[in-house]
Amino acid sequence: MDEIREEQQNFRDKIMNVEIEKEVKRSFIEYAMSVIIDRALPDVRDGLKPVHRRILFAMHEDGLTYNKPFRKSATTVGNVLGHFHPHGDAAVYDAMVRLAQPFS
């Protein structure tokens, strides 16, 4: 029992008073940088963003190649969302449309 109280006291000693404004700003910048690095910048290895890589992988897993019949976009979007992509369907659909365009 004494060990638990001693451990709780050690945690209390480590608590620091921080201005909420500074902490929110620091945390937001940290989160924004994480999002930019993880989602918004293409990977140097293949030039793809994670959403594009997930779409192509899902299409590969489904056997969708140039010589196969057409499949509805909603089917591919659903497969990507169901298996690989934790974000919304609009982002996947928009990314898929841009992958298919001959221009950017």
PDB file of N, CA and C in Angstrom:
ATOM      1  N   MET A   1       0.827  -1.190   0.000  1.00  0.00           N
ATOM      2  CA  MET A   1       0.000   0.000   0.000  1.00  0.00           C
ATOM      3  C   MET A   1       0.872   1.255   0.000  1.00  0.00           C
ATOM      4  N   ASP A   2       1.968   1.199   0.753  1.00  0.00           N
ATOM      5  CA  ASP A   2       2.866   2.352   0.804  1.00  0.00           C
ATOM      6  C   ASP A   2       3.506   2.615  -0.550  1.00  0.00           C
ATOM      7  N   GLU A   3       3.749   1.533  -1.311  1.00  0.00           N
ATOM      8  CA  GLU A   3       4.348   1.694  -2.636  1.00  0.00           C
ATOM      9  C   GLU A   3       3.410   2.468  -3.560  1.00  0.00           C
ATOM     10  N   ILE A   4       2.134   2.183  -3.462  1.00  0.00           N
ATOM     11  CA  ILE A   4       1.145   2.871  -4.299  1.00  0.00           C
ATOM     12  C   ILE A   4       1.092   4.352  -3.952  1.00  0.00           C
ATOM     13  N   ARG A   5       1.069   4.678  -2.688  1.00  0.00           N
ATOM     14  CA  ARG A   5       1.037   6.090  -2.275  1.00  0.00           C
ATOM     15  C   ARG A   5       2.311   6.802  -2.716  1.00  0.00           C
ATOM     16  N   GLU A   6       3.430   6.122  -2.600  1.00  0.00           N
ATOM     17  CA  GLU A   6       4.703   6.724  -3.009  1.00  0.00           C
ATOM     18  C   GLU A   6       4.703   6.976  -4.519  1.00  0.00           C
ATOM     19  N   GLU A   7       4.175   6.028  -5.282  1.00  0.00           N
ATOM     20  CA  GLU A   7       4.093   6.192  -6.727  1.00  0.00           C
ATOM     21  C   GLU A   7       3.164   7.346  -7.097  1.00  0.00           C
ATOM     22  N   GLN A   8       2.029   7.459  -6.417  1.00  0.00           N
ATOM     23  CA  GLN A   8       1.103   8.567  -6.661  1.00  0.00           C
ATOM     24  C   GLN A   8       1.764   9.901  -6.342  1.00  0.00           C
ATOM     25  N   GLN A   9       2.530   9.956  -5.284  1.00  0.00           N
ATOM     26  CA  GLN A   9       3.229  11.186  -4.915  1.00  0.00           C
ATOM     27  C   GLN A   9       4.254  11.553  -5.987  1.00  0.00           C
ATOM     28  N   ASN A  10       4.940  10.551  -6.533  1.00  0.00           N
ATOM     29  CA  ASN A  10       5.910  10.807  -7.600  1.00  0.00           C
ATOM     30  C   ASN A  10       5.221  11.410  -8.823  1.00  0.00           C
ATOM     31  N   PHE A  11       4.020  10.915  -9.151  1.00  0.00           N
ATOM     32  CA  PHE A  11       3.273  11.484 -10.272  1.00  0.00           C
ATOM     33  C   PHE A  11       2.866  12.927  -9.980  1.00  0.00           C
ATOM     34  N   ARG A  12       2.452  13.201  -8.779  1.00  0.00           N
ATOM     35  CA  ARG A  12       2.053  14.565  -8.409  1.00  0.00           C
ATOM     36  C   ARG A  12       3.235  15.522  -8.504  1.00  0.00           C
ATOM     37  N   ASP A  13       4.415  15.044  -8.176  1.00  0.00           N
ATOM     38  CA  ASP A  13       5.609  15.888  -8.250  1.00  0.00           C
ATOM     39  C   ASP A  13       5.951  16.244  -9.691  1.00  0.00           C
ATOM     40  N   LYS A  14       5.531  15.414 -10.641  1.00  0.00           N
ATOM     41  CA  LYS A  14       5.868  15.633 -12.046  1.00  0.00           C
ATOM     42  C   LYS A  14       4.861  16.526 -12.771  1.00  0.00           C
ATOM     43  N   ILE A  15       3.742  16.827 -12.154  1.00  0.00           N
ATOM     44  CA  ILE A  15       2.721  17.672 -12.783  1.00  0.00           C
ATOM     45  C   ILE A  15       3.235  19.100 -12.870  1.00  0.00           C
ATOM     46  N   MET A  16       3.110  19.665 -14.088  1.00  0.00           N
ATOM     47  CA  MET A  16       3.584  21.028 -14.309  1.00  0.00           C
ATOM     48  C   MET A  16       2.397  21.912 -14.686  1.00  0.00           C
ATOM     49  N   ASN A  17       2.437  23.145 -14.246  1.00  0.00           N
ATOM     50  CA  ASN A  17       1.431  24.126 -14.656  1.00  0.00           C
ATOM     51  C   ASN A  17       1.854  24.706 -15.998  1.00  0.00           C
ATOM     52  N   VAL A  18       0.933  24.641 -16.959  1.00  0.00           N
ATOM     53  CA  VAL A  18       1.220  25.131 -18.304  1.00  0.00           C
ATOM     54  C   VAL A  18       0.033  25.967 -18.750  1.00  0.00           C
ATOM     55  N   GLU A  19       0.318  27.067 -19.439  1.00  0.00           N
ATOM     56  CA  GLU A  19      -0.768  27.889 -19.974  1.00  0.00           C
ATOM     57  C   GLU A  19      -1.473  27.107 -21.074  1.00  0.00           C
ATOM     58  N   ILE A  20      -2.781  27.075 -21.014  1.00  0.00           N
ATOM     59  CA  ILE A  20      -3.571  26.282 -21.957  1.00  0.00           C
ATOM     60  C   ILE A  20      -3.345  26.741 -23.393  1.00  0.00           C
ATOM     61  N   GLU A  21      -3.208  28.039 -23.589  1.00  0.00           N
ATOM     62  CA  GLU A  21      -3.010  28.580 -24.932  1.00  0.00           C
ATOM     63  C   GLU A  21      -1.724  28.039 -25.553  1.00  0.00           C
ATOM     64  N   LYS A  22      -0.654  28.030 -24.772  1.00  0.00           N
ATOM     65  CA  LYS A  22       0.627  27.524 -25.277  1.00  0.00           C
ATOM     66  C   LYS A  22       0.562  26.028 -25.558  1.00  0.00           C
ATOM     67  N   GLU A  23      -0.087  25.297 -24.682  1.00  0.00           N
ATOM     68  CA  GLU A  23      -0.182  23.841 -24.857  1.00  0.00           C
ATOM     69  C   GLU A  23      -1.014  23.479 -26.083  1.00  0.00           C
ATOM     70  N   VAL A  24      -2.119  24.173 -26.293  1.00  0.00           N
ATOM     71  CA  VAL A  24      -2.958  23.904 -27.461  1.00  0.00           C
ATOM     72  C   VAL A  24      -2.188  24.227 -28.736  1.00  0.00           C
ATOM     73  N   LYS A  25      -1.495  25.338 -28.748  1.00  0.00           N
ATOM     74  CA  LYS A  25      -0.719  25.727 -29.923  1.00  0.00           C
ATOM     75  C   LYS A  25       0.361  24.691 -30.223  1.00  0.00           C
ATOM     76  N   ARG A  26       1.078  24.259 -29.190  1.00  0.00           N
ATOM     77  CA  ARG A  26       2.143  23.272 -29.364  1.00  0.00           C
ATOM     78  C   ARG A  26       1.563  21.946 -29.859  1.00  0.00           C
ATOM     79  N   SER A  27       0.480  21.524 -29.261  1.00  0.00           N
ATOM     80  CA  SER A  27      -0.138  20.252 -29.643  1.00  0.00           C
ATOM     81  C   SER A  27      -0.693  20.305 -31.064  1.00  0.00           C
ATOM     82  N   PHE A  28      -1.293  21.437 -31.437  1.00  0.00           N
ATOM     83  CA  PHE A  28      -1.842  21.559 -32.780  1.00  0.00           C
ATOM     84  C   PHE A  28      -0.735  21.517 -33.820  1.00  0.00           C
ATOM     85  N   ILE A  29       0.350  22.216 -33.570  1.00  0.00           N
ATOM     86  CA  ILE A  29       1.472  22.219 -34.514  1.00  0.00           C
ATOM     87  C   ILE A  29       2.039  20.809 -34.652  1.00  0.00           C
ATOM     88  N   GLU A  30       2.161  20.117 -33.547  1.00  0.00           N
ATOM     89  CA  GLU A  30       2.658  18.741 -33.564  1.00  0.00           C
ATOM     90  C   GLU A  30       1.735  17.843 -34.392  1.00  0.00           C
ATOM     91  N   TYR A  31       0.434  17.986 -34.186  1.00  0.00           N
ATOM     92  CA  TYR A  31      -0.537  17.180 -34.928  1.00  0.00           C
ATOM     93  C   TYR A  31      -0.517  17.539 -36.417  1.00  0.00           C
ATOM     94  N   ALA A  32      -0.475  18.813 -36.725  1.00  0.00           N
ATOM     95  CA  ALA A  32      -0.476  19.251 -38.125  1.00  0.00           C
ATOM     96  C   ALA A  32       0.745  18.708 -38.863  1.00  0.00           C
ATOM     97  N   MET A  33       1.889  18.755 -38.225  1.00  0.00           N
ATOM     98  CA  MET A  33       3.106  18.223 -38.846  1.00  0.00           C
ATOM     99  C   MET A  33       2.975  16.719 -39.080  1.00  0.00           C
ATOM    100  N   SER A  34       2.392  16.041 -38.138  1.00  0.00           N
ATOM    101  CA  SER A  34       2.194  14.595 -38.275  1.00  0.00           C
ATOM    102  C   SER A  34       1.286  14.284 -39.461  1.00  0.00           C
ATOM    103  N   VAL A  35       0.211  15.032 -39.599  1.00  0.00           N
ATOM    104  CA  VAL A  35      -0.724  14.822 -40.710  1.00  0.00           C
ATOM    105  C   VAL A  35      -0.040  15.116 -42.035  1.00  0.00           C
ATOM    106  N   ILE A  36       0.698  16.202 -42.100  1.00  0.00           N
ATOM    107  CA  ILE A  36       1.385  16.567 -43.342  1.00  0.00           C
ATOM    108  C   ILE A  36       2.363  15.474 -43.747  1.00  0.00           C
ATOM    109  N   ILE A  37       3.132  15.005 -42.799  1.00  0.00           N
ATOM    110  CA  ILE A  37       4.134  13.989 -43.109  1.00  0.00           C
ATOM    111  C   ILE A  37       3.477  12.660 -43.464  1.00  0.00           C
ATOM    112  N   ASP A  38       2.450  12.276 -42.731  1.00  0.00           N
ATOM    113  CA  ASP A  38       1.840  10.960 -42.937  1.00  0.00           C
ATOM    114  C   ASP A  38       0.844  10.895 -44.080  1.00  0.00           C
ATOM    115  N   ARG A  39       0.157  11.991 -44.396  1.00  0.00           N
ATOM    116  CA  ARG A  39      -0.929  11.913 -45.379  1.00  0.00           C
ATOM    117  C   ARG A  39      -0.752  12.799 -46.601  1.00  0.00           C
ATOM    118  N   ALA A  40      -0.193  13.984 -46.425  1.00  0.00           N
ATOM    119  CA  ALA A  40      -0.233  14.976 -47.500  1.00  0.00           C
ATOM    120  C   ALA A  40       0.976  14.945 -48.426  1.00  0.00           C
ATOM    121  N   LEU A  41       2.096  14.417 -47.957  1.00  0.00           N
ATOM    122  CA  LEU A  41       3.299  14.390 -48.787  1.00  0.00           C
ATOM    123  C   LEU A  41       3.458  13.030 -49.456  1.00  0.00           C
ATOM    124  N   PRO A  42       3.726  13.022 -50.755  1.00  0.00           N
ATOM    125  CA  PRO A  42       3.970  11.742 -51.430  1.00  0.00           C
ATOM    126  C   PRO A  42       5.246  11.087 -50.901  1.00  0.00           C
ATOM    127  N   ASP A  43       5.242   9.774 -50.898  1.00  0.00           N
ATOM    128  CA  ASP A  43       6.403   9.008 -50.449  1.00  0.00           C
ATOM    129  C   ASP A  43       7.495   9.082 -51.508  1.00  0.00           C
ATOM    130  N   VAL A  44       8.723   9.207 -51.083  1.00  0.00           N
ATOM    131  CA  VAL A  44       9.841   9.339 -52.009  1.00  0.00           C
ATOM    132  C   VAL A  44      10.073   8.038 -52.784  1.00  0.00           C
ATOM    133  N   ARG A  45       9.667   6.907 -52.247  1.00  0.00           N
ATOM    134  CA  ARG A  45       9.909   5.621 -52.906  1.00  0.00           C
ATOM    135  C   ARG A  45       9.076   5.430 -54.162  1.00  0.00           C
ATOM    136  N   ASP A  46       7.802   5.863 -54.125  1.00  0.00           N
ATOM    137  CA  ASP A  46       6.939   5.607 -55.276  1.00  0.00           C
ATOM    138  C   ASP A  46       6.139   6.825 -55.735  1.00  0.00           C
ATOM    139  N   GLY A  47       6.246   7.939 -55.025  1.00  0.00           N
ATOM    140  CA  GLY A  47       5.538   9.151 -55.413  1.00  0.00           C
ATOM    141  C   GLY A  47       4.054   9.136 -55.088  1.00  0.00           C
ATOM    142  N   LEU A  48       3.613   8.166 -54.293  1.00  0.00           N
ATOM    143  CA  LEU A  48       2.194   8.050 -53.954  1.00  0.00           C
ATOM    144  C   LEU A  48       1.927   8.490 -52.527  1.00  0.00           C
ATOM    145  N   LYS A  49       0.749   9.071 -52.344  1.00  0.00           N
ATOM    146  CA  LYS A  49       0.265   9.350 -50.993  1.00  0.00           C
ATOM    147  C   LYS A  49      -0.364   8.063 -50.462  1.00  0.00           C
ATOM    148  N   PRO A  50      -0.519   7.951 -49.154  1.00  0.00           N
ATOM    149  CA  PRO A  50      -1.086   6.712 -48.602  1.00  0.00           C
ATOM    150  C   PRO A  50      -2.448   6.331 -49.193  1.00  0.00           C
ATOM    151  N   VAL A  51      -3.315   7.302 -49.439  1.00  0.00           N
ATOM    152  CA  VAL A  51      -4.642   6.981 -49.981  1.00  0.00           C
ATOM    153  C   VAL A  51      -4.523   6.376 -51.379  1.00  0.00           C
ATOM    154  N   HIS A  52      -3.602   6.891 -52.195  1.00  0.00           N
ATOM    155  CA  HIS A  52      -3.418   6.350 -53.545  1.00  0.00           C
ATOM    156  C   HIS A  52      -2.870   4.929 -53.479  1.00  0.00           C
ATOM    157  N   ARG A  53      -1.921   4.714 -52.588  1.00  0.00           N
ATOM    158  CA  ARG A  53      -1.342   3.385 -52.419  1.00  0.00           C
ATOM    159  C   ARG A  53      -2.413   2.378 -51.982  1.00  0.00           C
ATOM    160  N   ARG A  54      -3.294   2.797 -51.090  1.00  0.00           N
ATOM    161  CA  ARG A  54      -4.363   1.911 -50.618  1.00  0.00           C
ATOM    162  C   ARG A  54      -5.334   1.570 -51.745  1.00  0.00           C
ATOM    163  N   ILE A  55      -5.647   2.557 -52.572  1.00  0.00           N
ATOM    164  CA  ILE A  55      -6.552   2.318 -53.704  1.00  0.00           C
ATOM    165  C   ILE A  55      -5.939   1.311 -54.665  1.00  0.00           C
ATOM    166  N   LEU A  56      -4.689   1.539 -55.040  1.00  0.00           N
ATOM    167  CA  LEU A  56      -4.037   0.639 -55.989  1.00  0.00           C
ATOM    168  C   LEU A  56      -3.897  -0.770 -55.423  1.00  0.00           C
ATOM    169  N   PHE A  57      -3.595  -0.875 -54.149  1.00  0.00           N
ATOM    170  CA  PHE A  57      -3.464  -2.190 -53.528  1.00  0.00           C
ATOM    171  C   PHE A  57      -4.809  -2.914 -53.496  1.00  0.00           C
ATOM    172  N   ALA A  58      -5.870  -2.197 -53.156  1.00  0.00           N
ATOM    173  CA  ALA A  58      -7.202  -2.807 -53.130  1.00  0.00           C
ATOM    174  C   ALA A  58      -7.602  -3.273 -54.530  1.00  0.00           C
ATOM    175  N   MET A  59      -7.288  -2.473 -55.534  1.00  0.00           N
ATOM    176  CA  MET A  59      -7.611  -2.863 -56.903  1.00  0.00           C
ATOM    177  C   MET A  59      -6.794  -4.086 -57.320  1.00  0.00           C
ATOM    178  N   HIS A  60      -5.554  -4.136 -56.910  1.00  0.00           N
ATOM    179  CA  HIS A  60      -4.705  -5.301 -57.196  1.00  0.00           C
ATOM    180  C   HIS A  60      -5.265  -6.553 -56.521  1.00  0.00           C
ATOM    181  N   GLU A  61      -5.657  -6.406 -55.261  1.00  0.00           N
ATOM    182  CA  GLU A  61      -6.228  -7.533 -54.509  1.00  0.00           C
ATOM    183  C   GLU A  61      -7.519  -8.042 -55.161  1.00  0.00           C
ATOM    184  N   ASP A  62      -8.283  -7.143 -55.770  1.00  0.00           N
ATOM    185  CA  ASP A  62      -9.536  -7.521 -56.432  1.00  0.00           C
ATOM    186  C   ASP A  62      -9.311  -8.022 -57.859  1.00  0.00           C
ATOM    187  N   GLY A  63      -8.070  -7.991 -58.314  1.00  0.00           N
ATOM    188  CA  GLY A  63      -7.758  -8.453 -59.661  1.00  0.00           C
ATOM    189  C   GLY A  63      -8.197  -7.495 -60.747  1.00  0.00           C
ATOM    190  N   LEU A  64      -8.303  -6.226 -60.429  1.00  0.00           N
ATOM    191  CA  LEU A  64      -8.722  -5.226 -61.419  1.00  0.00           C
ATOM    192  C   LEU A  64      -7.510  -4.795 -62.247  1.00  0.00           C
ATOM    193  N   THR A  65      -7.443  -5.284 -63.460  1.00  0.00           N
ATOM    194  CA  THR A  65      -6.363  -4.900 -64.369  1.00  0.00           C
ATOM    195  C   THR A  65      -6.979  -4.335 -65.647  1.00  0.00           C
ATOM    196  N   TYR A  66      -6.137  -3.872 -66.540  1.00  0.00           N
ATOM    197  CA  TYR A  66      -6.615  -3.197 -67.743  1.00  0.00           C
ATOM    198  C   TYR A  66      -7.435  -4.127 -68.642  1.00  0.00           C
ATOM    199  N   ASN A  67      -7.189  -5.419 -68.574  1.00  0.00           N
ATOM    200  CA  ASN A  67      -7.867  -6.348 -69.478  1.00  0.00           C
ATOM    201  C   ASN A  67      -9.095  -7.017 -68.854  1.00  0.00           C
ATOM    202  N   LYS A  68      -9.545  -6.525 -67.720  1.00  0.00           N
ATOM    203  CA  LYS A  68     -10.728  -7.073 -67.046  1.00  0.00           C
ATOM    204  C   LYS A  68     -11.923  -6.155 -67.291  1.00  0.00           C
ATOM    205  N   PRO A  69     -13.144  -6.685 -67.113  1.00  0.00           N
ATOM    206  CA  PRO A  69     -14.336  -5.837 -67.298  1.00  0.00           C
ATOM    207  C   PRO A  69     -14.356  -4.675 -66.300  1.00  0.00           C
ATOM    208  N   PHE A  70     -15.121  -3.657 -66.663  1.00  0.00           N
ATOM    209  CA  PHE A  70     -15.254  -2.494 -65.789  1.00  0.00           C
ATOM    210  C   PHE A  70     -15.936  -2.876 -64.482  1.00  0.00           C
ATOM    211  N   ARG A  71     -15.627  -2.124 -63.454  1.00  0.00           N
ATOM    212  CA  ARG A  71     -16.304  -2.298 -62.171  1.00  0.00           C
ATOM    213  C   ARG A  71     -16.666  -0.908 -61.673  1.00  0.00           C
ATOM    214  N   LYS A  72     -17.772  -0.800 -60.984  1.00  0.00           N
ATOM    215  CA  LYS A  72     -18.205   0.505 -60.489  1.00  0.00           C
ATOM    216  C   LYS A  72     -17.208   1.055 -59.475  1.00  0.00           C
ATOM    217  N   SER A  73     -17.054   2.374 -59.499  1.00  0.00           N
ATOM    218  CA  SER A  73     -16.141   3.044 -58.564  1.00  0.00           C
ATOM    219  C   SER A  73     -16.553   2.813 -57.122  1.00  0.00           C
ATOM    220  N   ALA A  74     -17.854   2.778 -56.875  1.00  0.00           N
ATOM    221  CA  ALA A  74     -18.342   2.601 -55.509  1.00  0.00           C
ATOM    222  C   ALA A  74     -17.879   1.272 -54.910  1.00  0.00           C
ATOM    223  N   THR A  75     -17.745   0.249 -55.751  1.00  0.00           N
ATOM    224  CA  THR A  75     -17.269  -1.050 -55.267  1.00  0.00           C
ATOM    225  C   THR A  75     -15.836  -0.939 -54.775  1.00  0.00           C
ATOM    226  N   THR A  76     -15.001  -0.287 -55.571  1.00  0.00           N
ATOM    227  CA  THR A  76     -13.601  -0.120 -55.180  1.00  0.00           C
ATOM    228  C   THR A  76     -13.488   0.769 -53.954  1.00  0.00           C
ATOM    229  N   VAL A  77     -14.242   1.859 -53.927  1.00  0.00           N
ATOM    230  CA  VAL A  77     -14.218   2.754 -52.763  1.00  0.00           C
ATOM    231  C   VAL A  77     -14.636   1.987 -51.514  1.00  0.00           C
ATOM    232  N   GLY A  78     -15.671   1.191 -51.619  1.00  0.00           N
ATOM    233  CA  GLY A  78     -16.130   0.396 -50.482  1.00  0.00           C
ATOM    234  C   GLY A  78     -15.078  -0.586 -50.004  1.00  0.00           C
ATOM    235  N   ASN A  79     -14.384  -1.230 -50.942  1.00  0.00           N
ATOM    236  CA  ASN A  79     -13.320  -2.164 -50.562  1.00  0.00           C
ATOM    237  C   ASN A  79     -12.172  -1.452 -49.866  1.00  0.00           C
ATOM    238  N   VAL A  80     -11.800  -0.292 -50.383  1.00  0.00           N
ATOM    239  CA  VAL A  80     -10.708   0.474 -49.765  1.00  0.00           C
ATOM    240  C   VAL A  80     -11.099   0.890 -48.353  1.00  0.00           C
ATOM    241  N   LEU A  81     -12.310   1.413 -48.206  1.00  0.00           N
ATOM    242  CA  LEU A  81     -12.770   1.844 -46.878  1.00  0.00           C
ATOM    243  C   LEU A  81     -12.897   0.671 -45.918  1.00  0.00           C
ATOM    244  N   GLY A  82     -13.409  -0.433 -46.409  1.00  0.00           N
ATOM    245  CA  GLY A  82     -13.644  -1.584 -45.554  1.00  0.00           C
ATOM    246  C   GLY A  82     -12.383  -2.269 -45.076  1.00  0.00           C
ATOM    247  N   HIS A  83     -11.344  -2.228 -45.885  1.00  0.00           N
ATOM    248  CA  HIS A  83     -10.145  -2.986 -45.544  1.00  0.00           C
ATOM    249  C   HIS A  83      -8.933  -2.148 -45.159  1.00  0.00           C
ATOM    250  N   PHE A  84      -8.786  -0.947 -45.726  1.00  0.00           N
ATOM    251  CA  PHE A  84      -7.505  -0.268 -45.584  1.00  0.00           C
ATOM    252  C   PHE A  84      -7.553   1.175 -45.104  1.00  0.00           C
ATOM    253  N   HIS A  85      -8.580   1.919 -45.462  1.00  0.00           N
ATOM    254  CA  HIS A  85      -8.544   3.375 -45.270  1.00  0.00           C
ATOM    255  C   HIS A  85      -9.440   3.807 -44.114  1.00  0.00           C
ATOM    256  N   PRO A  86      -8.871   4.455 -43.086  1.00  0.00           N
ATOM    257  CA  PRO A  86      -9.660   4.823 -41.910  1.00  0.00           C
ATOM    258  C   PRO A  86     -10.419   6.143 -42.030  1.00  0.00           C
ATOM    259  N   HIS A  87     -10.355   6.800 -43.182  1.00  0.00           N
ATOM    260  CA  HIS A  87     -10.978   8.116 -43.331  1.00  0.00           C
ATOM    261  C   HIS A  87     -12.209   8.013 -44.229  1.00  0.00           C
ATOM    262  N   GLY A  88     -12.748   9.144 -44.635  1.00  0.00           N
ATOM    263  CA  GLY A  88     -14.021   9.174 -45.338  1.00  0.00           C
ATOM    264  C   GLY A  88     -13.980   8.712 -46.781  1.00  0.00           C
ATOM    265  N   ASP A  89     -15.172   8.398 -47.308  1.00  0.00           N
ATOM    266  CA  ASP A  89     -15.277   7.890 -48.668  1.00  0.00           C
ATOM    267  C   ASP A  89     -15.032   8.963 -49.719  1.00  0.00           C
ATOM    268  N   ALA A  90     -15.338  10.211 -49.409  1.00  0.00           N
ATOM    269  CA  ALA A  90     -15.130  11.293 -50.379  1.00  0.00           C
ATOM    270  C   ALA A  90     -13.648  11.434 -50.715  1.00  0.00           C
ATOM    271  N   ALA A  91     -12.796  11.299 -49.720  1.00  0.00           N
ATOM    272  CA  ALA A  91     -11.352  11.406 -49.952  1.00  0.00           C
ATOM    273  C   ALA A  91     -10.873  10.280 -50.865  1.00  0.00           C
ATOM    274  N   VAL A  92     -11.386   9.083 -50.647  1.00  0.00           N
ATOM    275  CA  VAL A  92     -10.987   7.939 -51.477  1.00  0.00           C
ATOM    276  C   VAL A  92     -11.488   8.125 -52.903  1.00  0.00           C
ATOM    277  N   TYR A  93     -12.736   8.530 -53.058  1.00  0.00           N
ATOM    278  CA  TYR A  93     -13.294   8.713 -54.396  1.00  0.00           C
ATOM    279  C   TYR A  93     -12.542   9.810 -55.152  1.00  0.00           C
ATOM    280  N   ASP A  94     -12.295  10.945 -54.508  1.00  0.00           N
ATOM    281  CA  ASP A  94     -11.556  12.039 -55.153  1.00  0.00           C
ATOM    282  C   ASP A  94     -10.156  11.595 -55.560  1.00  0.00           C
ATOM    283  N   ALA A  95      -9.492  10.858 -54.695  1.00  0.00           N
ATOM    284  CA  ALA A  95      -8.145  10.381 -55.008  1.00  0.00           C
ATOM    285  C   ALA A  95      -8.180   9.408 -56.185  1.00  0.00           C
ATOM    286  N   MET A  96      -9.200   8.569 -56.236  1.00  0.00           N
ATOM    287  CA  MET A  96      -9.320   7.607 -57.327  1.00  0.00           C
ATOM    288  C   MET A  96      -9.579   8.321 -58.654  1.00  0.00           C
ATOM    289  N   VAL A  97     -10.400   9.347 -58.631  1.00  0.00           N
ATOM    290  CA  VAL A  97     -10.665  10.128 -59.843  1.00  0.00           C
ATOM    291  C   VAL A  97      -9.375  10.768 -60.338  1.00  0.00           C
ATOM    292  N   ARG A  98      -8.606  11.319 -59.445  1.00  0.00           N
ATOM    293  CA  ARG A  98      -7.349  11.972 -59.834  1.00  0.00           C
ATOM    294  C   ARG A  98      -6.321  10.967 -60.357  1.00  0.00           C
ATOM    295  N   LEU A  99      -6.344   9.755 -59.831  1.00  0.00           N
ATOM    296  CA  LEU A  99      -5.440   8.723 -60.351  1.00  0.00           C
ATOM    297  C   LEU A  99      -5.773   8.382 -61.799  1.00  0.00           C
ATOM    298  N   ALA A 100      -7.044   8.461 -62.162  1.00  0.00           N
ATOM    299  CA  ALA A 100      -7.480   8.073 -63.504  1.00  0.00           C
ATOM    300  C   ALA A 100      -7.325   9.194 -64.528  1.00  0.00           C
ATOM    301  N   GLN A 101      -7.132  10.421 -64.081  1.00  0.00           N
ATOM    302  CA  GLN A 101      -7.028  11.547 -65.008  1.00  0.00           C
ATOM    303  C   GLN A 101      -5.649  11.588 -65.662  1.00  0.00           C
ATOM    304  N   PRO A 102      -5.599  11.891 -66.963  1.00  0.00           N
ATOM    305  CA  PRO A 102      -4.301  12.007 -67.630  1.00  0.00           C
ATOM    306  C   PRO A 102      -3.605  13.339 -67.319  1.00  0.00           C
ATOM    307  N   PHE A 103      -4.285  14.233 -66.636  1.00  0.00           N
ATOM    308  CA  PHE A 103      -3.720  15.526 -66.250  1.00  0.00           C
ATOM    309  C   PHE A 103      -3.874  15.690 -64.751  1.00  0.00           C
ATOM    310  N   SER A 104      -3.150  16.644 -64.188  1.00  0.00           N
ATOM    311  CA  SER A 104      -3.283  16.839 -62.732  1.00  0.00           C
ATOM    312  C   SER A 104      -3.721  18.241 -62.401  1.00  0.00           C
TER     313      SER A 104
END
